[in-house]
């Protein structure tokens, strides 16, 4: 029973990472007139989302792996920071565009 519970936890963590990645690429996809690099990043993030969803599916059917769990926890915190930084960067771009229009 303990192995099953840890595998579910592992799977849930992978889903949380995938959801955070999705939230980040959806945010950037909504930005109008974004630089070309953003569209490249969105493609990469979509691929990562798919990968983490597959990890979640596999994680629910296999024994928990401490190394992968640690990696997922690290990814989770990085994705949260990426999303927070994305919002801040977007606000900075908006502010800079506003200044350019005023000049």
Protein backbone atom coordinates (compact mmCIF):
# COMPACT_ATOMS: atom_id res chain seq x y z
CA UNK A 1 0.00 0.00 0.00
CA UNK A 2 2.85 2.36 0.80
CA UNK A 3 4.39 1.97 -2.68
CA UNK A 4 1.03 2.77 -4.28
CA UNK A 5 0.59 5.91 -2.19
CA UNK A 6 4.08 7.19 -3.00
CA UNK A 7 3.55 6.52 -6.71
CA UNK A 8 0.34 8.55 -6.61
CA UNK A 9 2.19 11.38 -4.84
CA UNK A 10 4.90 11.20 -7.50
CA UNK A 11 2.25 11.33 -10.23
CA UNK A 12 0.45 14.25 -8.60
CA UNK A 13 3.71 16.19 -8.36
CA UNK A 14 4.40 15.61 -12.07
CA UNK A 15 0.87 16.81 -12.92
CA UNK A 16 1.43 19.96 -10.83
CA UNK A 17 4.62 20.69 -12.76
CA UNK A 18 2.83 20.08 -16.09
CA UNK A 19 0.01 22.41 -15.04
CA UNK A 20 2.47 25.12 -14.04
CA UNK A 21 4.21 24.81 -17.39
CA UNK A 22 0.86 25.02 -19.19
CA UNK A 23 -0.12 28.12 -17.22
CA UNK A 24 3.19 29.74 -18.21
CA UNK A 25 2.94 29.01 -21.94
CA UNK A 26 -0.73 30.03 -21.99
CA UNK A 27 0.22 33.33 -20.39
CA UNK A 28 2.97 34.01 -22.95
CA UNK A 29 0.75 32.89 -25.81
CA UNK A 30 -1.74 35.60 -24.80
CA UNK A 31 0.87 38.37 -25.02
CA UNK A 32 0.28 40.40 -28.16
CA UNK A 33 3.25 41.31 -30.37
CA UNK A 34 5.67 39.20 -28.35
CA UNK A 35 9.22 38.80 -29.66
CA UNK A 36 9.89 35.77 -31.87
CA UNK A 37 11.94 34.15 -29.08
CA UNK A 38 8.76 33.90 -27.01
CA UNK A 39 7.07 31.74 -29.63
CA UNK A 40 10.08 29.42 -29.64
CA UNK A 41 9.90 29.23 -25.84
CA UNK A 42 6.17 28.41 -26.03
CA UNK A 43 6.91 25.45 -28.31
CA UNK A 44 9.54 24.19 -25.86
CA UNK A 45 7.20 24.62 -22.90
CA UNK A 46 4.44 22.68 -24.66
CA UNK A 47 6.88 19.82 -25.23
CA UNK A 48 7.88 19.89 -21.56
CA UNK A 49 4.23 19.85 -20.53
CA UNK A 50 3.67 16.70 -22.58
CA UNK A 51 6.77 15.10 -21.06
CA UNK A 52 5.66 15.82 -17.50
CA UNK A 53 2.17 14.50 -18.22
CA UNK A 54 3.76 11.27 -19.44
CA UNK A 55 5.93 11.13 -16.33
CA UNK A 56 2.79 11.58 -14.23
CA UNK A 57 1.05 8.73 -16.02
CA UNK A 58 4.07 6.44 -15.70
CA UNK A 59 4.65 7.55 -12.11
CA UNK A 60 1.20 6.37 -11.10
CA UNK A 61 2.04 2.90 -12.39
CA UNK A 62 5.59 2.42 -11.13
CA UNK A 63 7.50 2.43 -7.87
CA UNK A 64 8.42 5.84 -6.48
CA UNK A 65 11.92 7.02 -7.35
CA UNK A 66 13.53 9.39 -4.84
CA UNK A 67 15.77 10.94 -7.49
CA UNK A 68 12.88 11.70 -9.83
CA UNK A 69 10.74 12.97 -6.97
CA UNK A 70 13.52 15.36 -5.97
CA UNK A 71 13.90 16.48 -9.59
CA UNK A 72 10.14 17.06 -9.87
CA UNK A 73 10.11 19.11 -6.68
CA UNK A 74 12.98 21.21 -8.05
CA UNK A 75 11.15 21.63 -11.37
CA UNK A 76 8.00 22.65 -9.56
CA UNK A 77 9.72 25.51 -7.77
CA UNK A 78 11.47 26.60 -10.98
CA UNK A 79 8.20 26.59 -12.94
CA UNK A 80 6.52 28.71 -10.24
CA UNK A 81 9.41 31.19 -10.45
CA UNK A 82 9.30 31.17 -14.26
CA UNK A 83 5.60 32.01 -14.20
CA UNK A 84 6.08 34.78 -11.63
CA UNK A 85 9.02 36.19 -13.61
CA UNK A 86 6.97 35.99 -16.82
CA UNK A 87 4.29 38.20 -15.33
CA UNK A 88 6.90 40.69 -14.10
CA UNK A 89 8.66 40.70 -17.50
CA UNK A 90 5.36 41.24 -19.29
CA UNK A 91 4.54 44.18 -17.04
CA UNK A 92 7.98 45.65 -17.74
CA UNK A 93 7.44 45.32 -21.50
CA UNK A 94 4.07 47.07 -21.15
CA UNK A 95 5.65 49.88 -19.14
CA UNK A 96 8.44 50.30 -21.68
CA UNK A 97 5.95 50.37 -24.56
CA UNK A 98 3.96 53.04 -22.72
CA UNK A 99 7.07 55.19 -22.31
CA UNK A 100 7.98 54.77 -25.99
CA UNK A 101 4.54 55.94 -27.00
CA UNK A 102 4.77 59.02 -24.80
CA UNK A 103 8.06 60.21 -26.32
